[in-house]
């Protein structure tokens, strides 16, 4: 869709169209609405985006987004230390936190394994999960709550995955030491 207007507006529309669920038409409508509400919405939104880009980081421990590292959840000493809830994305952490049903720690994979899409364990935060799971405080019953209809992970599958990665890591470490 060809847009009219100055280059800055066209760039804004183009960048908005890169967001999930927004195409060129929706992005154009959104951009024009922002310009209609320049002082009430556009400038505060631009400032909030800029501030978030500077302040928010991925937690080195779990992958959650926060302005602190480690995040508030990983820093909370009142959480249950024996379980790690493995989730697909940060939004899954936030949904579980809103529900209040889980008081353990989390691990954000950052996606799902998908041979069709070329997503391998190396593209996800699997190695970090293995390191965390090897902590003696973590029970063997890893909780899994990936909210996706593409793939349902259950604790036995996750333990199997961890065992495969641990074996691969052990093999890799011993080959590095021997050669």
Foldseek 3Di string as FASTA:
>chain_A
DDDDDDPVLVVQLVVVCPDPPRHSVNSNVVSVVCVVVVPPPVVVVVVVVVVCVPQWDQAPQARAIDSDHVHPLVPDPPAQAAEEEEEAANVVVVVCVVVVPHRHHYHHQPHDDDVVVPDDSVNTCLVSVLVSCVPPSHHLQYHYDYPDPVDDDHSVNSSVVSVVVVVVVVVVVVVVVVD
